[in-house]
């Protein structure tokens, strides 16, 4: 199940994860733990389209703003506009 979730979470941000987990928690409270099986988790995560996929231009604008006005915490320069950006993957441990 965990490997399947990792694949479903490609491009998810914290707010996307929060939305999915809130939906799952609500279902668990309303219908009991039986409603929250592996299939339900997959259904909820599959039905959420992350912001990185719905409005990639907004993400690109934020990255451009950051390259001009922010200092990366890593100390490493950020990728230039000509490099292809890949969505970050969320990993659950």
Protein backbone atom coordinates (compact mmCIF):
# COMPACT_ATOMS: atom_id res chain seq x y z
CA UNK A 1 0.00 0.00 0.00
CA UNK A 2 2.77 2.45 0.88
CA UNK A 3 4.45 2.15 -2.52
CA UNK A 4 1.09 2.79 -4.20
CA UNK A 5 0.52 5.92 -2.10
CA UNK A 6 3.96 7.27 -2.95
CA UNK A 7 3.11 6.96 -6.66
CA UNK A 8 -0.24 8.70 -6.11
CA UNK A 9 1.40 11.54 -4.19
CA UNK A 10 3.70 12.69 -6.97
CA UNK A 11 3.59 16.50 -6.99
CA UNK A 12 1.55 16.83 -3.80
CA UNK A 13 2.23 19.74 -1.47
CA UNK A 14 1.52 19.83 2.24
CA UNK A 15 -1.90 21.41 1.70
CA UNK A 16 -2.84 18.66 -0.77
CA UNK A 17 -1.88 16.00 1.78
CA UNK A 18 -3.75 17.85 4.52
CA UNK A 19 -6.90 17.93 2.40
CA UNK A 20 -6.75 14.19 1.69
CA UNK A 21 -6.05 13.21 5.29
CA UNK A 22 -8.88 15.48 6.52
CA UNK A 23 -11.28 13.74 4.13
CA UNK A 24 -10.14 10.32 5.33
CA UNK A 25 -10.44 11.35 8.99
CA UNK A 26 -13.94 12.73 8.40
CA UNK A 27 -15.01 9.48 6.79
CA UNK A 28 -13.54 7.47 9.67
CA UNK A 29 -15.48 9.53 12.20
CA UNK A 30 -18.76 9.44 10.27
CA UNK A 31 -18.76 5.79 9.22
CA UNK A 32 -16.32 4.11 11.56
CA UNK A 33 -12.93 2.59 10.94
CA UNK A 34 -14.31 0.03 8.44
CA UNK A 35 -14.78 2.84 5.89
CA UNK A 36 -11.07 3.64 5.93
CA UNK A 37 -9.57 0.62 4.22
CA UNK A 38 -6.73 0.65 1.66
CA UNK A 39 -9.17 1.12 -1.19
CA UNK A 40 -10.65 4.24 0.37
CA UNK A 41 -7.19 5.79 0.85
CA UNK A 42 -6.37 5.15 -2.80
CA UNK A 43 -9.72 6.60 -3.92
CA UNK A 44 -9.25 9.81 -1.91
CA UNK A 45 -5.68 10.41 -3.04
CA UNK A 46 -6.50 9.55 -6.67
CA UNK A 47 -9.36 12.09 -6.68
CA UNK A 48 -7.18 15.01 -5.56
CA UNK A 49 -5.28 16.83 -8.28
CA UNK A 50 -2.34 18.68 -6.70
CA UNK A 51 -1.75 22.36 -7.29
CA UNK A 52 1.50 21.54 -9.12
CA UNK A 53 -0.57 19.83 -11.82
CA UNK A 54 -3.60 22.14 -11.98
CA UNK A 55 -1.68 25.42 -12.16
CA UNK A 56 1.98 24.73 -12.99
CA UNK A 57 2.33 28.35 -14.18
CA UNK A 58 1.68 29.54 -10.61
CA UNK A 59 4.44 27.25 -9.34
CA UNK A 60 6.79 28.54 -12.03
CA UNK A 61 5.97 32.14 -11.05
CA UNK A 62 6.74 31.39 -7.41
CA UNK A 63 10.04 29.74 -8.37
CA UNK A 64 10.97 32.74 -10.55
CA UNK A 65 10.16 35.09 -7.68
CA UNK A 66 12.31 32.99 -5.36
CA UNK A 67 15.30 32.97 -7.73
CA UNK A 68 15.27 36.77 -7.81
CA UNK A 69 14.42 37.60 -4.20
CA UNK A 70 15.21 34.66 -1.92
CA UNK A 71 18.31 32.90 -0.65
CA UNK A 72 18.08 29.09 -0.78
CA UNK A 73 18.37 27.48 2.66
CA UNK A 74 20.75 24.87 1.20
CA UNK A 75 23.19 27.52 0.05
CA UNK A 76 23.07 25.97 -3.43
CA UNK A 77 21.81 28.09 -6.34
CA UNK A 78 18.33 27.31 -7.63
CA UNK A 79 17.83 25.85 -11.11
CA UNK A 80 17.54 28.36 -13.93
CA UNK A 81 14.39 28.91 -16.00
CA UNK A 82 15.94 26.93 -18.86
CA UNK A 83 16.24 23.78 -16.74
CA UNK A 84 13.20 21.57 -16.55
CA UNK A 85 11.56 21.54 -13.12
CA UNK A 86 10.32 18.29 -11.68
CA UNK A 87 7.65 18.16 -8.99
CA UNK A 88 8.92 17.07 -5.61
CA UNK A 89 7.85 13.67 -4.40
CA UNK A 90 6.43 13.14 -0.96
CA UNK A 91 7.72 10.11 0.89
CA UNK A 92 5.85 8.56 3.78
CA UNK A 93 7.90 6.61 6.28
